């Protein structure tokens, strides 16, 4: 498994658990507001943490850490992800997977095999506006819809979440998202932060992105609350 980063302690990434977070490379989206451009566009040029070193860390932290969050990039692009998770589970850790939902077959396989304990799926926008949000012309949302539908039926804790960008998200878009995912367990709004290396800067596209204030984000919550069992702001 190619590991491109390790956050040794997080109290936020895995709700209710002390965890660490590992970062994989590569992604099949090009969200222009993404702040991990090098990890997405040039993953093989980024430093790597040897898998042996990572598991030595996990062994030392047994009894202290409870879970491992696997994020990216897009982790489901890694062909050895199931084996990697099996090794983590063998040490007694819970596993949370962050995904963009483009690999429903693998997601279903991981859930069915009890290899993951929690899933956080990014919802980039409402379905009619996905193309602009993911930076890919004619992006097909079939896989994303399949993953969302599967999670809403599966017996596994999950959440949906959206990083909110002023230039890409509006009240109408959140109404459309609510109608699409009506009845889902939890949906969180995360504020866009103009930090790191944005993909739009690397691709030299003209977009300029900005964040809503926390007060403005709060105004979206009443639009969403009729559709989800739990709606909240995250990281604000």
C-alpha atoms as a PDB file:
ATOM      1  CA  UNK A   1       0.000   0.000   0.000  1.00  0.00           C
ATOM      2  CA  UNK A   2       1.382   3.420  -0.932  1.00  0.00           C
ATOM      3  CA  UNK A   3       0.971   5.682   2.089  1.00  0.00           C
ATOM      4  CA  UNK A   4       1.654   9.350   1.419  1.00  0.00           C
ATOM      5  CA  UNK A   5       0.966  10.766   4.844  1.00  0.00           C
ATOM      6  CA  UNK A   6       0.108   9.955   8.444  1.00  0.00           C
ATOM      7  CA  UNK A   7      -1.655  12.103  11.022  1.00  0.00           C
ATOM      8  CA  UNK A   8      -0.795  10.266  14.212  1.00  0.00           C
ATOM      9  CA  UNK A   9      -3.708  11.563  16.255  1.00  0.00           C
ATOM     10  CA  UNK A  10      -7.087  12.986  15.328  1.00  0.00           C
ATOM     11  CA  UNK A  11     -10.123  13.608  17.477  1.00  0.00           C
ATOM     12  CA  UNK A  12     -12.190  14.881  14.543  1.00  0.00           C
ATOM     13  CA  UNK A  13     -11.761  12.497  11.607  1.00  0.00           C
ATOM     14  CA  UNK A  14     -13.453   9.501  13.260  1.00  0.00           C
ATOM     15  CA  UNK A  15     -16.450  10.713  15.278  1.00  0.00           C
ATOM     16  CA  UNK A  16     -16.342   9.455  18.844  1.00  0.00           C
ATOM     17  CA  UNK A  17     -12.955   7.766  18.595  1.00  0.00           C
ATOM     18  CA  UNK A  18      -9.293   8.567  19.017  1.00  0.00           C
ATOM     19  CA  UNK A  19      -7.753   7.682  15.688  1.00  0.00           C
ATOM     20  CA  UNK A  20      -4.938   8.218  13.251  1.00  0.00           C
ATOM     21  CA  UNK A  21      -5.382   9.120   9.585  1.00  0.00           C
ATOM     22  CA  UNK A  22      -3.467   7.713   6.626  1.00  0.00           C
ATOM     23  CA  UNK A  23      -3.433   9.405   3.223  1.00  0.00           C
ATOM     24  CA  UNK A  24      -3.374   7.577  -0.082  1.00  0.00           C
ATOM     25  CA  UNK A  25      -2.544   9.113  -3.449  1.00  0.00           C
ATOM     26  CA  UNK A  26      -4.356   9.357  -6.785  1.00  0.00           C
ATOM     27  CA  UNK A  27      -7.915  10.501  -7.367  1.00  0.00           C
ATOM     28  CA  UNK A  28     -10.311  10.128 -10.280  1.00  0.00           C
ATOM     29  CA  UNK A  29     -11.802  13.575  -9.676  1.00  0.00           C
ATOM     30  CA  UNK A  30     -10.280  16.995 -10.279  1.00  0.00           C
ATOM     31  CA  UNK A  31     -12.299  19.148  -7.896  1.00  0.00           C
ATOM     32  CA  UNK A  32     -10.844  22.605  -8.597  1.00  0.00           C
ATOM     33  CA  UNK A  33     -11.154  23.655  -4.935  1.00  0.00           C
ATOM     34  CA  UNK A  34      -9.287  20.586  -3.614  1.00  0.00           C
ATOM     35  CA  UNK A  35      -6.292  21.633  -1.489  1.00  0.00           C
ATOM     36  CA  UNK A  36      -4.348  18.374  -1.964  1.00  0.00           C
ATOM     37  CA  UNK A  37      -3.280  19.016  -5.548  1.00  0.00           C
ATOM     38  CA  UNK A  38       0.146  17.303  -5.367  1.00  0.00           C
ATOM     39  CA  UNK A  39      -1.404  14.183  -3.826  1.00  0.00           C
ATOM     40  CA  UNK A  40      -4.047  14.071  -6.562  1.00  0.00           C
ATOM     41  CA  UNK A  41      -2.059  15.164  -9.594  1.00  0.00           C
ATOM     42  CA  UNK A  42       1.469  13.953  -8.816  1.00  0.00           C
ATOM     43  CA  UNK A  43       1.148  11.234  -6.170  1.00  0.00           C
ATOM     44  CA  UNK A  44       4.177   9.221  -7.268  1.00  0.00           C
ATOM     45  CA  UNK A  45       6.377  12.270  -6.724  1.00  0.00           C
ATOM     46  CA  UNK A  46       5.247  12.631  -3.093  1.00  0.00           C
ATOM     47  CA  UNK A  47       7.074  11.150  -0.092  1.00  0.00           C
ATOM     48  CA  UNK A  48       5.946   7.716   1.010  1.00  0.00           C
ATOM     49  CA  UNK A  49       5.731   6.125   4.428  1.00  0.00           C
ATOM     50  CA  UNK A  50       6.800   2.471   4.305  1.00  0.00           C
ATOM     51  CA  UNK A  51       3.933   0.172   5.199  1.00  0.00           C
ATOM     52  CA  UNK A  52       6.199  -1.639   7.664  1.00  0.00           C
ATOM     53  CA  UNK A  53       6.782   1.632   9.522  1.00  0.00           C
ATOM     54  CA  UNK A  54       3.063   2.369   9.634  1.00  0.00           C
ATOM     55  CA  UNK A  55       2.219  -0.992  11.162  1.00  0.00           C
ATOM     56  CA  UNK A  56       5.042  -0.624  13.685  1.00  0.00           C
ATOM     57  CA  UNK A  57       3.357   2.630  14.720  1.00  0.00           C
ATOM     58  CA  UNK A  58      -0.031   0.903  15.037  1.00  0.00           C
ATOM     59  CA  UNK A  59       1.476  -1.835  17.169  1.00  0.00           C
ATOM     60  CA  UNK A  60       2.930   0.735  19.561  1.00  0.00           C
ATOM     61  CA  UNK A  61      -0.378   2.610  19.827  1.00  0.00           C
ATOM     62  CA  UNK A  62      -2.589  -0.379  20.571  1.00  0.00           C
ATOM     63  CA  UNK A  63      -4.717   0.343  23.602  1.00  0.00           C
ATOM     64  CA  UNK A  64      -4.398   4.089  23.014  1.00  0.00           C
ATOM     65  CA  UNK A  65      -5.767   4.634  19.531  1.00  0.00           C
ATOM     66  CA  UNK A  66      -9.105   3.090  18.658  1.00  0.00           C
ATOM     67  CA  UNK A  67      -9.364   3.553  14.918  1.00  0.00           C
ATOM     68  CA  UNK A  68      -7.693   4.258  11.605  1.00  0.00           C
ATOM     69  CA  UNK A  69      -9.129   6.666   9.052  1.00  0.00           C
ATOM     70  CA  UNK A  70      -8.173   5.976   5.452  1.00  0.00           C
ATOM     71  CA  UNK A  71      -8.466   8.988   3.191  1.00  0.00           C
ATOM     72  CA  UNK A  72      -6.884  10.374   0.051  1.00  0.00           C
ATOM     73  CA  UNK A  73      -6.818  11.098  -2.743  1.00  0.00           C
ATOM     74  CA  UNK A  74      -9.350   8.367  -3.311  1.00  0.00           C
ATOM     75  CA  UNK A  75      -8.494   5.202  -1.338  1.00  0.00           C
ATOM     76  CA  UNK A  76     -10.681   2.858  -3.404  1.00  0.00           C
ATOM     77  CA  UNK A  77      -8.317   3.311  -6.358  1.00  0.00           C
ATOM     78  CA  UNK A  78      -5.644   1.335  -4.497  1.00  0.00           C
ATOM     79  CA  UNK A  79      -5.800  -2.311  -5.624  1.00  0.00           C
ATOM     80  CA  UNK A  80      -4.382  -3.568  -2.324  1.00  0.00           C
ATOM     81  CA  UNK A  81      -6.826  -1.642  -0.119  1.00  0.00           C
ATOM     82  CA  UNK A  82      -8.730  -4.743   1.115  1.00  0.00           C
ATOM     83  CA  UNK A  83      -5.519  -6.493   2.173  1.00  0.00           C
ATOM     84  CA  UNK A  84      -4.272  -3.308   3.843  1.00  0.00           C
ATOM     85  CA  UNK A  85      -7.489  -3.038   5.842  1.00  0.00           C
ATOM     86  CA  UNK A  86      -7.340  -6.720   6.808  1.00  0.00           C
ATOM     87  CA  UNK A  87      -3.934  -6.100   8.390  1.00  0.00           C
ATOM     88  CA  UNK A  88      -5.285  -3.109  10.316  1.00  0.00           C
ATOM     89  CA  UNK A  89      -8.323  -5.050  11.542  1.00  0.00           C
ATOM     90  CA  UNK A  90      -6.076  -7.906  12.657  1.00  0.00           C
ATOM     91  CA  UNK A  91      -4.563  -5.507  15.199  1.00  0.00           C
ATOM     92  CA  UNK A  92      -7.993  -4.786  16.650  1.00  0.00           C
ATOM     93  CA  UNK A  93      -8.564  -1.331  15.182  1.00  0.00           C
ATOM     94  CA  UNK A  94     -11.768   0.140  13.860  1.00  0.00           C
ATOM     95  CA  UNK A  95     -11.525   1.390  10.272  1.00  0.00           C
ATOM     96  CA  UNK A  96     -13.201   4.444   8.783  1.00  0.00           C
ATOM     97  CA  UNK A  97     -13.127   4.934   5.015  1.00  0.00           C
ATOM     98  CA  UNK A  98     -13.380   8.295   3.277  1.00  0.00           C
ATOM     99  CA  UNK A  99     -14.533   7.978  -0.326  1.00  0.00           C
ATOM    100  CA  UNK A 100     -15.966   9.945  -3.221  1.00  0.00           C
ATOM    101  CA  UNK A 101     -18.302   7.047  -4.002  1.00  0.00           C
ATOM    102  CA  UNK A 102     -16.992   6.210  -7.469  1.00  0.00           C
ATOM    103  CA  UNK A 103     -16.267   2.548  -6.687  1.00  0.00           C
ATOM    104  CA  UNK A 104     -19.545   1.076  -5.415  1.00  0.00           C
ATOM    105  CA  UNK A 105     -18.471  -2.510  -6.116  1.00  0.00           C
ATOM    106  CA  UNK A 106     -15.457  -2.268  -3.820  1.00  0.00           C
ATOM    107  CA  UNK A 107     -17.451  -0.331  -1.229  1.00  0.00           C
ATOM    108  CA  UNK A 108     -20.040  -3.095  -1.173  1.00  0.00           C
ATOM    109  CA  UNK A 109     -17.302  -5.727  -0.915  1.00  0.00           C
ATOM    110  CA  UNK A 110     -15.634  -3.999   2.040  1.00  0.00           C
ATOM    111  CA  UNK A 111     -18.909  -3.558   3.910  1.00  0.00           C
ATOM    112  CA  UNK A 112     -20.096  -7.109   3.242  1.00  0.00           C
ATOM    113  CA  UNK A 113     -16.768  -8.511   4.466  1.00  0.00           C
ATOM    114  CA  UNK A 114     -16.978  -6.422   7.671  1.00  0.00           C
ATOM    115  CA  UNK A 115     -13.677  -4.767   6.831  1.00  0.00           C
ATOM    116  CA  UNK A 116     -14.856  -1.225   7.523  1.00  0.00           C
ATOM    117  CA  UNK A 117     -16.802   0.175  10.442  1.00  0.00           C
ATOM    118  CA  UNK A 118     -17.733   3.656   9.249  1.00  0.00           C
ATOM    119  CA  UNK A 119     -17.976   5.367   5.856  1.00  0.00           C
ATOM    120  CA  UNK A 120     -17.800   9.079   5.097  1.00  0.00           C
ATOM    121  CA  UNK A 121     -18.851   9.795   1.533  1.00  0.00           C
ATOM    122  CA  UNK A 122     -18.183  13.153  -0.057  1.00  0.00           C
ATOM    123  CA  UNK A 123     -21.129  14.679  -1.861  1.00  0.00           C
ATOM    124  CA  UNK A 124     -19.628  17.190  -4.244  1.00  0.00           C
ATOM    125  CA  UNK A 125     -22.868  18.856  -5.323  1.00  0.00           C
ATOM    126  CA  UNK A 126     -26.373  18.052  -6.461  1.00  0.00           C
ATOM    127  CA  UNK A 127     -26.448  15.583  -9.333  1.00  0.00           C
ATOM    128  CA  UNK A 128     -27.088  18.143 -12.112  1.00  0.00           C
ATOM    129  CA  UNK A 129     -24.090  20.193 -10.923  1.00  0.00           C
ATOM    130  CA  UNK A 130     -21.574  17.402 -10.278  1.00  0.00           C
ATOM    131  CA  UNK A 131     -19.591  18.019 -13.446  1.00  0.00           C
ATOM    132  CA  UNK A 132     -18.556  21.517 -12.426  1.00  0.00           C
ATOM    133  CA  UNK A 133     -17.790  20.534  -8.840  1.00  0.00           C
ATOM    134  CA  UNK A 134     -15.544  17.592  -9.754  1.00  0.00           C
ATOM    135  CA  UNK A 135     -13.786  19.375 -12.610  1.00  0.00           C
ATOM    136  CA  UNK A 136     -14.486  16.662 -15.197  1.00  0.00           C
ATOM    137  CA  UNK A 137     -16.558  17.395 -18.332  1.00  0.00           C
ATOM    138  CA  UNK A 138     -19.476  14.992 -18.816  1.00  0.00           C
ATOM    139  CA  UNK A 139     -18.838  13.268 -15.485  1.00  0.00           C
ATOM    140  CA  UNK A 140     -21.241  10.347 -15.069  1.00  0.00           C
ATOM    141  CA  UNK A 141     -22.880  10.230 -11.646  1.00  0.00           C
ATOM    142  CA  UNK A 142     -24.153   6.640 -11.888  1.00  0.00           C
ATOM    143  CA  UNK A 143     -21.480   5.195  -9.571  1.00  0.00           C
ATOM    144  CA  UNK A 144     -21.910   8.005  -7.050  1.00  0.00           C
ATOM    145  CA  UNK A 145     -25.657   7.442  -6.940  1.00  0.00           C
ATOM    146  CA  UNK A 146     -25.149   3.685  -6.556  1.00  0.00           C
ATOM    147  CA  UNK A 147     -22.770   4.165  -3.614  1.00  0.00           C
ATOM    148  CA  UNK A 148     -25.114   6.593  -1.882  1.00  0.00           C
ATOM    149  CA  UNK A 149     -28.083   4.284  -2.368  1.00  0.00           C
ATOM    150  CA  UNK A 150     -26.086   1.344  -1.023  1.00  0.00           C
ATOM    151  CA  UNK A 151     -25.005   3.187   2.130  1.00  0.00           C
ATOM    152  CA  UNK A 152     -28.559   4.312   2.835  1.00  0.00           C
ATOM    153  CA  UNK A 153     -29.680   0.670   2.757  1.00  0.00           C
ATOM    154  CA  UNK A 154     -26.651  -0.968   4.385  1.00  0.00           C
ATOM    155  CA  UNK A 155     -26.322  -1.670   8.095  1.00  0.00           C
ATOM    156  CA  UNK A 156     -23.157   0.345   8.635  1.00  0.00           C
ATOM    157  CA  UNK A 157     -22.699   3.769  10.223  1.00  0.00           C
ATOM    158  CA  UNK A 158     -22.129   6.395   7.552  1.00  0.00           C
ATOM    159  CA  UNK A 159     -22.309  10.078   6.840  1.00  0.00           C
ATOM    160  CA  UNK A 160     -22.513  12.309   3.806  1.00  0.00           C
ATOM    161  CA  UNK A 161     -20.603  15.576   3.736  1.00  0.00           C
ATOM    162  CA  UNK A 162     -20.024  18.508   1.426  1.00  0.00           C
ATOM    163  CA  UNK A 163     -17.219  21.040   1.353  1.00  0.00           C
ATOM    164  CA  UNK A 164     -19.120  24.241   0.658  1.00  0.00           C
ATOM    165  CA  UNK A 165     -17.703  26.764  -1.812  1.00  0.00           C
ATOM    166  CA  UNK A 166     -19.485  30.043  -2.419  1.00  0.00           C
ATOM    167  CA  UNK A 167     -18.987  29.922  -6.186  1.00  0.00           C
ATOM    168  CA  UNK A 168     -20.223  26.316  -6.477  1.00  0.00           C
ATOM    169  CA  UNK A 169     -22.975  25.863  -3.885  1.00  0.00           C
ATOM    170  CA  UNK A 170     -26.251  27.642  -3.292  1.00  0.00           C
ATOM    171  CA  UNK A 171     -29.530  27.189  -1.459  1.00  0.00           C
ATOM    172  CA  UNK A 172     -31.108  25.590  -4.543  1.00  0.00           C
ATOM    173  CA  UNK A 173     -28.278  23.091  -4.790  1.00  0.00           C
ATOM    174  CA  UNK A 174     -28.756  22.047  -1.170  1.00  0.00           C
ATOM    175  CA  UNK A 175     -32.476  21.637  -1.762  1.00  0.00           C
ATOM    176  CA  UNK A 176     -31.618  19.315  -4.647  1.00  0.00           C
ATOM    177  CA  UNK A 177     -29.149  17.376  -2.494  1.00  0.00           C
ATOM    178  CA  UNK A 178     -31.771  17.014   0.208  1.00  0.00           C
ATOM    179  CA  UNK A 179     -34.303  15.645  -2.266  1.00  0.00           C
ATOM    180  CA  UNK A 180     -31.711  13.219  -3.657  1.00  0.00           C
ATOM    181  CA  UNK A 181     -30.549  11.865  -0.281  1.00  0.00           C
ATOM    182  CA  UNK A 182     -33.846  12.183   1.575  1.00  0.00           C
ATOM    183  CA  UNK A 183     -33.954   9.945   4.652  1.00  0.00           C
ATOM    184  CA  UNK A 184     -30.187   9.549   5.049  1.00  0.00           C
ATOM    185  CA  UNK A 185     -28.647   9.343   8.510  1.00  0.00           C
ATOM    186  CA  UNK A 186     -26.345  12.344   8.650  1.00  0.00           C
ATOM    187  CA  UNK A 187     -25.195  15.188   6.444  1.00  0.00           C
ATOM    188  CA  UNK A 188     -22.474  17.675   7.320  1.00  0.00           C
ATOM    189  CA  UNK A 189     -21.415  20.931   5.752  1.00  0.00           C
ATOM    190  CA  UNK A 190     -17.727  21.772   5.853  1.00  0.00           C
ATOM    191  CA  UNK A 191     -16.418  25.236   5.094  1.00  0.00           C
ATOM    192  CA  UNK A 192     -14.016  25.610   2.199  1.00  0.00           C
ATOM    193  CA  UNK A 193     -10.596  26.762   3.351  1.00  0.00           C
ATOM    194  CA  UNK A 194      -8.241  28.404   0.917  1.00  0.00           C
ATOM    195  CA  UNK A 195      -5.178  26.605   2.192  1.00  0.00           C
ATOM    196  CA  UNK A 196      -2.648  24.260   0.692  1.00  0.00           C
ATOM    197  CA  UNK A 197      -2.232  23.798  -3.041  1.00  0.00           C
ATOM    198  CA  UNK A 198      -5.539  24.097  -4.887  1.00  0.00           C
ATOM    199  CA  UNK A 199      -5.986  22.014  -8.019  1.00  0.00           C
ATOM    200  CA  UNK A 200      -7.242  25.035  -9.962  1.00  0.00           C
ATOM    201  CA  UNK A 201      -3.893  26.732  -9.310  1.00  0.00           C
ATOM    202  CA  UNK A 202      -1.932  23.772 -10.633  1.00  0.00           C
ATOM    203  CA  UNK A 203      -4.147  23.422 -13.701  1.00  0.00           C
ATOM    204  CA  UNK A 204      -4.010  27.186 -14.236  1.00  0.00           C
ATOM    205  CA  UNK A 205      -7.758  27.538 -14.563  1.00  0.00           C
ATOM    206  CA  UNK A 206      -9.314  30.958 -13.938  1.00  0.00           C
ATOM    207  CA  UNK A 207     -11.555  29.987 -11.029  1.00  0.00           C
ATOM    208  CA  UNK A 208     -11.361  31.919  -7.792  1.00  0.00           C
ATOM    209  CA  UNK A 209     -13.041  30.319  -4.816  1.00  0.00           C
ATOM    210  CA  UNK A 210     -14.161  31.696  -1.469  1.00  0.00           C
ATOM    211  CA  UNK A 211     -15.866  30.496   1.678  1.00  0.00           C
ATOM    212  CA  UNK A 212     -19.202  31.211   3.264  1.00  0.00           C
ATOM    213  CA  UNK A 213     -19.103  32.521   6.814  1.00  0.00           C
ATOM    214  CA  UNK A 214     -20.302  30.210   9.576  1.00  0.00           C
ATOM    215  CA  UNK A 215     -23.431  32.369   9.883  1.00  0.00           C
ATOM    216  CA  UNK A 216     -24.149  31.982   6.169  1.00  0.00           C
ATOM    217  CA  UNK A 217     -23.575  28.228   6.307  1.00  0.00           C
ATOM    218  CA  UNK A 218     -26.002  27.972   9.197  1.00  0.00           C
ATOM    219  CA  UNK A 219     -28.715  29.396   6.958  1.00  0.00           C
ATOM    220  CA  UNK A 220     -28.541  26.261   4.796  1.00  0.00           C
ATOM    221  CA  UNK A 221     -29.301  23.925   7.705  1.00  0.00           C
ATOM    222  CA  UNK A 222     -33.074  24.538   7.851  1.00  0.00           C
ATOM    223  CA  UNK A 223     -33.275  23.692   4.150  1.00  0.00           C
ATOM    224  CA  UNK A 224     -31.601  20.340   4.789  1.00  0.00           C
ATOM    225  CA  UNK A 225     -33.020  19.297   8.137  1.00  0.00           C
ATOM    226  CA  UNK A 226     -36.324  17.938   6.731  1.00  0.00           C
ATOM    227  CA  UNK A 227     -34.348  15.430   4.653  1.00  0.00           C
ATOM    228  CA  UNK A 228     -31.768  14.044   7.097  1.00  0.00           C
ATOM    229  CA  UNK A 229     -31.872  12.561  10.573  1.00  0.00           C
ATOM    230  CA  UNK A 230     -28.953  14.769  11.548  1.00  0.00           C
ATOM    231  CA  UNK A 231     -27.625  17.930   9.904  1.00  0.00           C
ATOM    232  CA  UNK A 232     -24.788  20.080  11.231  1.00  0.00           C
ATOM    233  CA  UNK A 233     -21.737  22.159  10.442  1.00  0.00           C
ATOM    234  CA  UNK A 234     -18.390  20.437  10.766  1.00  0.00           C
ATOM    235  CA  UNK A 235     -15.047  21.918  11.747  1.00  0.00           C
ATOM    236  CA  UNK A 236     -16.379  25.412  12.482  1.00  0.00           C
END
